[in-house]
PDB file of all heavy atoms in Angstrom:
ATOM      1  N   LEU A   1       3.581  -3.621  -3.748  1.00  0.00           N
ATOM      2  CA  LEU A   1       4.000  -4.178  -2.463  1.00  0.00           C
ATOM      3  C   LEU A   1       5.087  -3.331  -1.816  1.00  0.00           C
ATOM      4  O   LEU A   1       5.169  -3.228  -0.589  1.00  0.00           O
ATOM      5  CB  LEU A   1       4.499  -5.611  -2.661  1.00  0.00           C
ATOM      6  CG  LEU A   1       4.590  -6.504  -1.423  1.00  0.00           C
ATOM      7  CD1 LEU A   1       3.209  -6.712  -0.805  1.00  0.00           C
ATOM      8  CD2 LEU A   1       5.212  -7.845  -1.786  1.00  0.00           C
ATOM      9  N   ALA A   2       5.931  -2.691  -2.643  1.00  0.00           N
ATOM     10  CA  ALA A   2       7.030  -1.866  -2.115  1.00  0.00           C
ATOM     11  C   ALA A   2       6.527  -0.585  -1.466  1.00  0.00           C
ATOM     12  O   ALA A   2       7.202  -0.007  -0.612  1.00  0.00           O
ATOM     13  CB  ALA A   2       8.014  -1.533  -3.236  1.00  0.00           C
ATOM     14  N   GLY A   3       5.341  -0.133  -1.863  1.00  0.00           N
ATOM     15  CA  GLY A   3       4.785   1.069  -1.247  1.00  0.00           C
ATOM     16  C   GLY A   3       5.379   2.346  -1.804  1.00  0.00           C
ATOM     17  O   GLY A   3       6.070   2.363  -2.828  1.00  0.00           O
ATOM     18  N   ASN A   4       5.130   3.426  -1.095  1.00  0.00           N
ATOM     19  CA  ASN A   4       5.578   4.762  -1.508  1.00  0.00           C
ATOM     20  C   ASN A   4       6.556   5.297  -0.469  1.00  0.00           C
ATOM     21  O   ASN A   4       6.177   5.570   0.680  1.00  0.00           O
ATOM     22  CB  ASN A   4       4.376   5.703  -1.627  1.00  0.00           C
ATOM     23  CG  ASN A   4       4.743   7.042  -2.240  1.00  0.00           C
ATOM     24  OD1 ASN A   4       5.861   7.531  -2.090  1.00  0.00           O
ATOM     25  ND2 ASN A   4       3.790   7.635  -2.928  1.00  0.00           N
ATOM     26  N   PRO A   5       7.838   5.465  -0.808  1.00  0.00           N
ATOM     27  CA  PRO A   5       8.821   5.919   0.185  1.00  0.00           C
ATOM     28  C   PRO A   5       8.547   7.324   0.714  1.00  0.00           C
ATOM     29  O   PRO A   5       8.926   7.650   1.839  1.00  0.00           O
ATOM     30  CB  PRO A   5      10.145   5.859  -0.582  1.00  0.00           C
ATOM     31  CG  PRO A   5       9.759   5.942  -2.018  1.00  0.00           C
ATOM     32  CD  PRO A   5       8.453   5.245  -2.127  1.00  0.00           C
ATOM     33  N   LYS A   6       7.889   8.164  -0.089  1.00  0.00           N
ATOM     34  CA  LYS A   6       7.586   9.523   0.365  1.00  0.00           C
ATOM     35  C   LYS A   6       6.572   9.495   1.512  1.00  0.00           C
ATOM     36  O   LYS A   6       6.664  10.302   2.444  1.00  0.00           O
ATOM     37  CB  LYS A   6       7.033  10.351  -0.805  1.00  0.00           C
ATOM     38  CG  LYS A   6       8.021  10.569  -1.930  1.00  0.00           C
ATOM     39  CD  LYS A   6       9.243  11.344  -1.469  1.00  0.00           C
ATOM     40  CE  LYS A   6      10.198  11.615  -2.611  1.00  0.00           C
ATOM     41  NZ  LYS A   6      11.431  12.317  -2.184  1.00  0.00           N
ATOM     42  N   LEU A   7       5.635   8.560   1.455  1.00  0.00           N
ATOM     43  CA  LEU A   7       4.675   8.433   2.554  1.00  0.00           C
ATOM     44  C   LEU A   7       5.337   7.829   3.789  1.00  0.00           C
ATOM     45  O   LEU A   7       5.009   8.192   4.921  1.00  0.00           O
ATOM     46  CB  LEU A   7       3.496   7.562   2.124  1.00  0.00           C
ATOM     47  CG  LEU A   7       2.610   8.112   1.002  1.00  0.00           C
ATOM     48  CD1 LEU A   7       1.488   7.133   0.670  1.00  0.00           C
ATOM     49  CD2 LEU A   7       2.022   9.458   1.402  1.00  0.00           C
ATOM     50  N   ALA A   8       6.284   6.918   3.567  1.00  0.00           N
ATOM     51  CA  ALA A   8       7.017   6.333   4.699  1.00  0.00           C
ATOM     52  C   ALA A   8       7.835   7.401   5.423  1.00  0.00           C
ATOM     53  O   ALA A   8       7.988   7.363   6.653  1.00  0.00           O
ATOM     54  CB  ALA A   8       7.915   5.206   4.212  1.00  0.00           C
ATOM     55  N   GLU A   9       8.370   8.383   4.668  1.00  0.00           N
ATOM     56  CA  GLU A   9       9.188   9.430   5.276  1.00  0.00           C
ATOM     57  C   GLU A   9       8.392  10.308   6.238  1.00  0.00           C
ATOM     58  O   GLU A   9       8.956  10.855   7.186  1.00  0.00           O
ATOM     59  CB  GLU A   9       9.798  10.301   4.169  1.00  0.00           C
ATOM     60  CG  GLU A   9      10.873   9.593   3.349  1.00  0.00           C
ATOM     61  CD  GLU A   9      11.364  10.458   2.203  1.00  0.00           C
ATOM     62  OE1 GLU A   9      10.926  11.628   2.121  1.00  0.00           O
ATOM     63  OE2 GLU A   9      12.178   9.975   1.391  1.00  0.00           O
ATOM     64  N   ILE A  10       7.092  10.438   5.993  1.00  0.00           N
ATOM     65  CA  ILE A  10       6.281  11.290   6.878  1.00  0.00           C
ATOM     66  C   ILE A  10       5.559  10.456   7.937  1.00  0.00           C
ATOM     67  O   ILE A  10       4.644  10.952   8.612  1.00  0.00           O
ATOM     68  CB  ILE A  10       5.265  12.118   6.071  1.00  0.00           C
ATOM     69  CG1 ILE A  10       4.293  11.206   5.298  1.00  0.00           C
ATOM     70  CG2 ILE A  10       5.979  13.048   5.109  1.00  0.00           C
ATOM     71  CD1 ILE A  10       3.186  11.980   4.579  1.00  0.00           C
ATOM     72  N   GLY A  11       5.963   9.186   8.064  1.00  0.00           N
ATOM     73  CA  GLY A  11       5.475   8.370   9.170  1.00  0.00           C
ATOM     74  C   GLY A  11       4.292   7.484   8.872  1.00  0.00           C
ATOM     75  O   GLY A  11       3.746   6.850   9.779  1.00  0.00           O
ATOM     76  N   LEU A  12       3.859   7.397   7.601  1.00  0.00           N
ATOM     77  CA  LEU A  12       2.759   6.511   7.246  1.00  0.00           C
ATOM     78  C   LEU A  12       3.315   5.136   6.899  1.00  0.00           C
ATOM     79  O   LEU A  12       4.126   4.991   5.983  1.00  0.00           O
ATOM     80  CB  LEU A  12       1.969   7.078   6.056  1.00  0.00           C
ATOM     81  CG  LEU A  12       1.251   8.411   6.301  1.00  0.00           C
ATOM     82  CD1 LEU A  12       0.563   8.886   5.033  1.00  0.00           C
ATOM     83  CD2 LEU A  12       0.229   8.270   7.421  1.00  0.00           C
ATOM     84  N   SER A  13       2.898   4.120   7.633  1.00  0.00           N
ATOM     85  CA  SER A  13       3.436   2.779   7.438  1.00  0.00           C
ATOM     86  C   SER A  13       3.113   2.244   6.042  1.00  0.00           C
ATOM     87  O   SER A  13       1.989   2.373   5.558  1.00  0.00           O
ATOM     88  CB  SER A  13       2.859   1.823   8.490  1.00  0.00           C
ATOM     89  OG  SER A  13       3.256   0.494   8.212  1.00  0.00           O
ATOM     90  N   GLN A  14       4.110   1.651   5.413  1.00  0.00           N
ATOM     91  CA  GLN A  14       3.936   1.024   4.101  1.00  0.00           C
ATOM     92  C   GLN A  14       4.146  -0.492   4.197  1.00  0.00           C
ATOM     93  O   GLN A  14       4.474  -1.143   3.210  1.00  0.00           O
ATOM     94  CB  GLN A  14       4.931   1.631   3.106  1.00  0.00           C
ATOM     95  CG  GLN A  14       4.728   3.116   2.858  1.00  0.00           C
ATOM     96  CD  GLN A  14       3.418   3.403   2.144  1.00  0.00           C
ATOM     97  OE1 GLN A  14       3.261   3.113   0.970  1.00  0.00           O
ATOM     98  NE2 GLN A  14       2.464   3.970   2.875  1.00  0.00           N
ATOM     99  N   SER A  15       3.948  -1.047   5.393  1.00  0.00           N
ATOM    100  CA  SER A  15       4.180  -2.482   5.582  1.00  0.00           C
ATOM    101  C   SER A  15       3.198  -3.334   4.784  1.00  0.00           C
ATOM    102  O   SER A  15       3.502  -4.473   4.401  1.00  0.00           O
ATOM    103  CB  SER A  15       4.067  -2.835   7.072  1.00  0.00           C
ATOM    104  OG  SER A  15       2.776  -2.506   7.568  1.00  0.00           O
ATOM    105  N   MET A  16       1.991  -2.803   4.511  1.00  0.00           N
ATOM    106  CA  MET A  16       1.014  -3.522   3.699  1.00  0.00           C
ATOM    107  C   MET A  16       1.151  -3.204   2.216  1.00  0.00           C
ATOM    108  O   MET A  16       0.409  -3.718   1.387  1.00  0.00           O
ATOM    109  CB  MET A  16      -0.409  -3.175   4.147  1.00  0.00           C
ATOM    110  CG  MET A  16      -0.775  -3.653   5.535  1.00  0.00           C
ATOM    111  SD  MET A  16      -2.449  -3.156   6.005  1.00  0.00           S
ATOM    112  CE  MET A  16      -3.429  -3.950   4.731  1.00  0.00           C
ATOM    113  N   GLY A  17       2.133  -2.359   1.872  1.00  0.00           N
ATOM    114  CA  GLY A  17       2.263  -1.912   0.503  1.00  0.00           C
ATOM    115  C   GLY A  17       1.485  -0.632   0.279  1.00  0.00           C
ATOM    116  O   GLY A  17       0.980  -0.005   1.218  1.00  0.00           O
ATOM    117  N   SER A  18       1.371  -0.218  -0.972  1.00  0.00           N
ATOM    118  CA  SER A  18       0.640   1.001  -1.311  1.00  0.00           C
ATOM    119  C   SER A  18      -0.856   0.684  -1.386  1.00  0.00           C
ATOM    120  O   SER A  18      -1.346   0.163  -2.383  1.00  0.00           O
ATOM    121  CB  SER A  18       1.130   1.547  -2.661  1.00  0.00           C
ATOM    122  OG  SER A  18       0.385   2.684  -3.032  1.00  0.00           O
ATOM    123  N   MET A  19      -1.574   1.019  -0.322  1.00  0.00           N
ATOM    124  CA  MET A  19      -2.999   0.701  -0.239  1.00  0.00           C
ATOM    125  C   MET A  19      -3.882   1.870  -0.668  1.00  0.00           C
ATOM    126  O   MET A  19      -5.107   1.775  -0.612  1.00  0.00           O
ATOM    127  CB  MET A  19      -3.365   0.269   1.174  1.00  0.00           C
ATOM    128  CG  MET A  19      -2.878  -1.122   1.549  1.00  0.00           C
ATOM    129  SD  MET A  19      -3.605  -2.413   0.525  1.00  0.00           S
ATOM    130  CE  MET A  19      -5.330  -2.312   1.008  1.00  0.00           C
ATOM    131  N   GLU A  20      -3.294   2.970  -1.108  1.00  0.00           N
ATOM    132  CA  GLU A  20      -4.092   4.109  -1.555  1.00  0.00           C
ATOM    133  C   GLU A  20      -4.941   3.700  -2.760  1.00  0.00           C
ATOM    134  O   GLU A  20      -4.441   3.130  -3.732  1.00  0.00           O
ATOM    135  CB  GLU A  20      -3.185   5.278  -1.939  1.00  0.00           C
ATOM    136  CG  GLU A  20      -3.964   6.515  -2.374  1.00  0.00           C
ATOM    137  CD  GLU A  20      -3.071   7.621  -2.893  1.00  0.00           C
ATOM    138  OE1 GLU A  20      -1.850   7.407  -2.964  1.00  0.00           O
ATOM    139  OE2 GLU A  20      -3.594   8.694  -3.241  1.00  0.00           O
ATOM    140  N   GLY A  21      -6.231   3.967  -2.699  1.00  0.00           N
ATOM    141  CA  GLY A  21      -7.120   3.676  -3.813  1.00  0.00           C
ATOM    142  C   GLY A  21      -7.504   2.216  -3.953  1.00  0.00           C
ATOM    143  O   GLY A  21      -8.076   1.824  -4.969  1.00  0.00           O
ATOM    144  N   LYS A  22      -7.205   1.398  -2.942  1.00  0.00           N
ATOM    145  CA  LYS A  22      -7.490  -0.031  -3.029  1.00  0.00           C
ATOM    146  C   LYS A  22      -8.485  -0.438  -1.945  1.00  0.00           C
ATOM    147  O   LYS A  22      -8.551   0.177  -0.878  1.00  0.00           O
ATOM    148  CB  LYS A  22      -6.202  -0.854  -2.876  1.00  0.00           C
ATOM    149  CG  LYS A  22      -5.184  -0.613  -3.973  1.00  0.00           C
ATOM    150  CD  LYS A  22      -3.938  -1.443  -3.768  1.00  0.00           C
ATOM    151  CE  LYS A  22      -2.934  -1.216  -4.883  1.00  0.00           C
ATOM    152  NZ  LYS A  22      -2.447   0.157  -4.942  1.00  0.00           N
ATOM    153  N   GLU A  23      -9.239  -1.483  -2.225  1.00  0.00           N
ATOM    154  CA  GLU A  23     -10.152  -2.064  -1.260  1.00  0.00           C
ATOM    155  C   GLU A  23      -9.365  -2.969  -0.311  1.00  0.00           C
ATOM    156  O   GLU A  23      -8.602  -3.838  -0.758  1.00  0.00           O
ATOM    157  CB  GLU A  23     -11.222  -2.889  -1.972  1.00  0.00           C
ATOM    158  CG  GLU A  23     -12.320  -2.048  -2.605  1.00  0.00           C
ATOM    159  CD  GLU A  23     -13.285  -1.512  -1.569  1.00  0.00           C
ATOM    160  OE1 GLU A  23     -13.911  -2.314  -0.857  1.00  0.00           O
ATOM    161  OE2 GLU A  23     -13.412  -0.277  -1.475  1.00  0.00           O
ATOM    162  N   VAL A  24      -9.552  -2.785   0.997  1.00  0.00           N
ATOM    163  CA  VAL A  24      -8.847  -3.605   1.984  1.00  0.00           C
ATOM    164  C   VAL A  24      -9.221  -5.071   1.816  1.00  0.00           C
ATOM    165  O   VAL A  24      -8.389  -5.971   2.019  1.00  0.00           O
ATOM    166  CB  VAL A  24      -9.168  -3.114   3.415  1.00  0.00           C
ATOM    167  CG1 VAL A  24      -8.515  -4.014   4.451  1.00  0.00           C
ATOM    168  CG2 VAL A  24      -8.698  -1.673   3.592  1.00  0.00           C
ATOM    169  N   ARG A  25     -10.464  -5.348   1.416  1.00  0.00           N
ATOM    170  CA  ARG A  25     -10.904  -6.736   1.275  1.00  0.00           C
ATOM    171  C   ARG A  25     -10.206  -7.458   0.135  1.00  0.00           C
ATOM    172  O   ARG A  25     -10.212  -8.690   0.089  1.00  0.00           O
ATOM    173  CB  ARG A  25     -12.425  -6.795   1.080  1.00  0.00           C
ATOM    174  CG  ARG A  25     -12.939  -6.016  -0.099  1.00  0.00           C
ATOM    175  CD  ARG A  25     -14.429  -5.669   0.055  1.00  0.00           C
ATOM    176  NE  ARG A  25     -14.836  -4.724  -0.958  1.00  0.00           N
ATOM    177  CZ  ARG A  25     -15.617  -5.041  -1.986  1.00  0.00           C
ATOM    178  NH1 ARG A  25     -16.051  -6.277  -2.122  1.00  0.00           N
ATOM    179  NH2 ARG A  25     -15.936  -4.138  -2.873  1.00  0.00           N
ATOM    180  N   PHE A  26      -9.587  -6.721  -0.810  1.00  0.00           N
ATOM    181  CA  PHE A  26      -8.867  -7.356  -1.905  1.00  0.00           C
ATOM    182  C   PHE A  26      -7.355  -7.300  -1.700  1.00  0.00           C
ATOM    183  O   PHE A  26      -6.635  -8.226  -2.068  1.00  0.00           O
ATOM    184  CB  PHE A  26      -9.229  -6.703  -3.237  1.00  0.00           C
ATOM    185  CG  PHE A  26     -10.679  -6.814  -3.587  1.00  0.00           C
ATOM    186  CD1 PHE A  26     -11.358  -5.750  -4.157  1.00  0.00           C
ATOM    187  CD2 PHE A  26     -11.385  -7.980  -3.325  1.00  0.00           C
ATOM    188  CE1 PHE A  26     -12.697  -5.848  -4.478  1.00  0.00           C
ATOM    189  CE2 PHE A  26     -12.734  -8.084  -3.639  1.00  0.00           C
ATOM    190  CZ  PHE A  26     -13.392  -7.020  -4.219  1.00  0.00           C
ATOM    191  N   GLY A  27      -6.865  -6.209  -1.118  1.00  0.00           N
ATOM    192  CA  GLY A  27      -5.439  -6.113  -0.830  1.00  0.00           C
ATOM    193  C   GLY A  27      -4.585  -5.943  -2.073  1.00  0.00           C
ATOM    194  O   GLY A  27      -5.074  -5.750  -3.178  1.00  0.00           O
ATOM    195  N   ILE A  28      -3.262  -6.055  -1.884  1.00  0.00           N
ATOM    196  CA  ILE A  28      -2.306  -5.834  -2.968  1.00  0.00           C
ATOM    197  C   ILE A  28      -2.420  -6.932  -4.028  1.00  0.00           C
ATOM    198  O   ILE A  28      -2.435  -6.651  -5.229  1.00  0.00           O
ATOM    199  CB  ILE A  28      -0.866  -5.784  -2.421  1.00  0.00           C
ATOM    200  CG1 ILE A  28      -0.688  -4.580  -1.491  1.00  0.00           C
ATOM    201  CG2 ILE A  28       0.142  -5.724  -3.570  1.00  0.00           C
ATOM    202  CD1 ILE A  28      -0.842  -3.241  -2.169  1.00  0.00           C
ATOM    203  N   ALA A  29      -2.511  -8.181  -3.597  1.00  0.00           N
ATOM    204  CA  ALA A  29      -2.466  -9.305  -4.548  1.00  0.00           C
ATOM    205  C   ALA A  29      -3.620  -9.244  -5.547  1.00  0.00           C
ATOM    206  O   ALA A  29      -3.402  -9.245  -6.760  1.00  0.00           O
ATOM    207  CB  ALA A  29      -2.481 -10.633  -3.784  1.00  0.00           C
ATOM    208  N   GLN A  30      -4.848  -9.196  -5.043  1.00  0.00           N
ATOM    209  CA  GLN A  30      -5.995  -9.194  -5.953  1.00  0.00           C
ATOM    210  C   GLN A  30      -6.105  -7.882  -6.727  1.00  0.00           C
ATOM    211  O   GLN A  30      -6.597  -7.865  -7.859  1.00  0.00           O
ATOM    212  CB  GLN A  30      -7.283  -9.448  -5.164  1.00  0.00           C
ATOM    213  CG  GLN A  30      -7.443 -10.879  -4.676  1.00  0.00           C
ATOM    214  CD  GLN A  30      -7.578 -11.865  -5.819  1.00  0.00           C
ATOM    215  OE1 GLN A  30      -8.271 -11.617  -6.797  1.00  0.00           O
ATOM    216  NE2 GLN A  30      -6.904 -13.003  -5.712  1.00  0.00           N
ATOM    217  N   SER A  31      -5.637  -6.781  -6.155  1.00  0.00           N
ATOM    218  CA  SER A  31      -5.660  -5.507  -6.865  1.00  0.00           C
ATOM    219  C   SER A  31      -4.673  -5.513  -8.021  1.00  0.00           C
ATOM    220  O   SER A  31      -4.984  -5.082  -9.136  1.00  0.00           O
ATOM    221  CB  SER A  31      -5.343  -4.355  -5.906  1.00  0.00           C
ATOM    222  OG  SER A  31      -6.332  -4.243  -4.891  1.00  0.00           O
ATOM    223  N   ALA A  32      -3.448  -6.004  -7.763  1.00  0.00           N
ATOM    224  CA  ALA A  32      -2.437  -6.068  -8.827  1.00  0.00           C
ATOM    225  C   ALA A  32      -2.862  -7.039  -9.925  1.00  0.00           C
ATOM    226  O   ALA A  32      -2.672  -6.762 -11.116  1.00  0.00           O
ATOM    227  CB  ALA A  32      -1.092  -6.482  -8.241  1.00  0.00           C
ATOM    228  N   LEU A  33      -3.434  -8.177  -9.534  1.00  0.00           N
ATOM    229  CA  LEU A  33      -3.889  -9.156 -10.519  1.00  0.00           C
ATOM    230  C   LEU A  33      -5.027  -8.574 -11.354  1.00  0.00           C
ATOM    231  O   LEU A  33      -5.037  -8.709 -12.588  1.00  0.00           O
ATOM    232  CB  LEU A  33      -4.345 -10.432  -9.809  1.00  0.00           C
ATOM    233  CG  LEU A  33      -4.854 -11.556 -10.720  1.00  0.00           C
ATOM    234  CD1 LEU A  33      -3.777 -11.993 -11.702  1.00  0.00           C
ATOM    235  CD2 LEU A  33      -5.323 -12.747  -9.876  1.00  0.00           C
TER     236      LEU A  33
END
């Protein structure tokens, strides 16, 4: 959920958390679980 600060520094929003490698339909909660 905290995301990647290095990606935030180059302007990529981390408001949804670290979504790299994840399915949007599952999101952070179901991916972490």
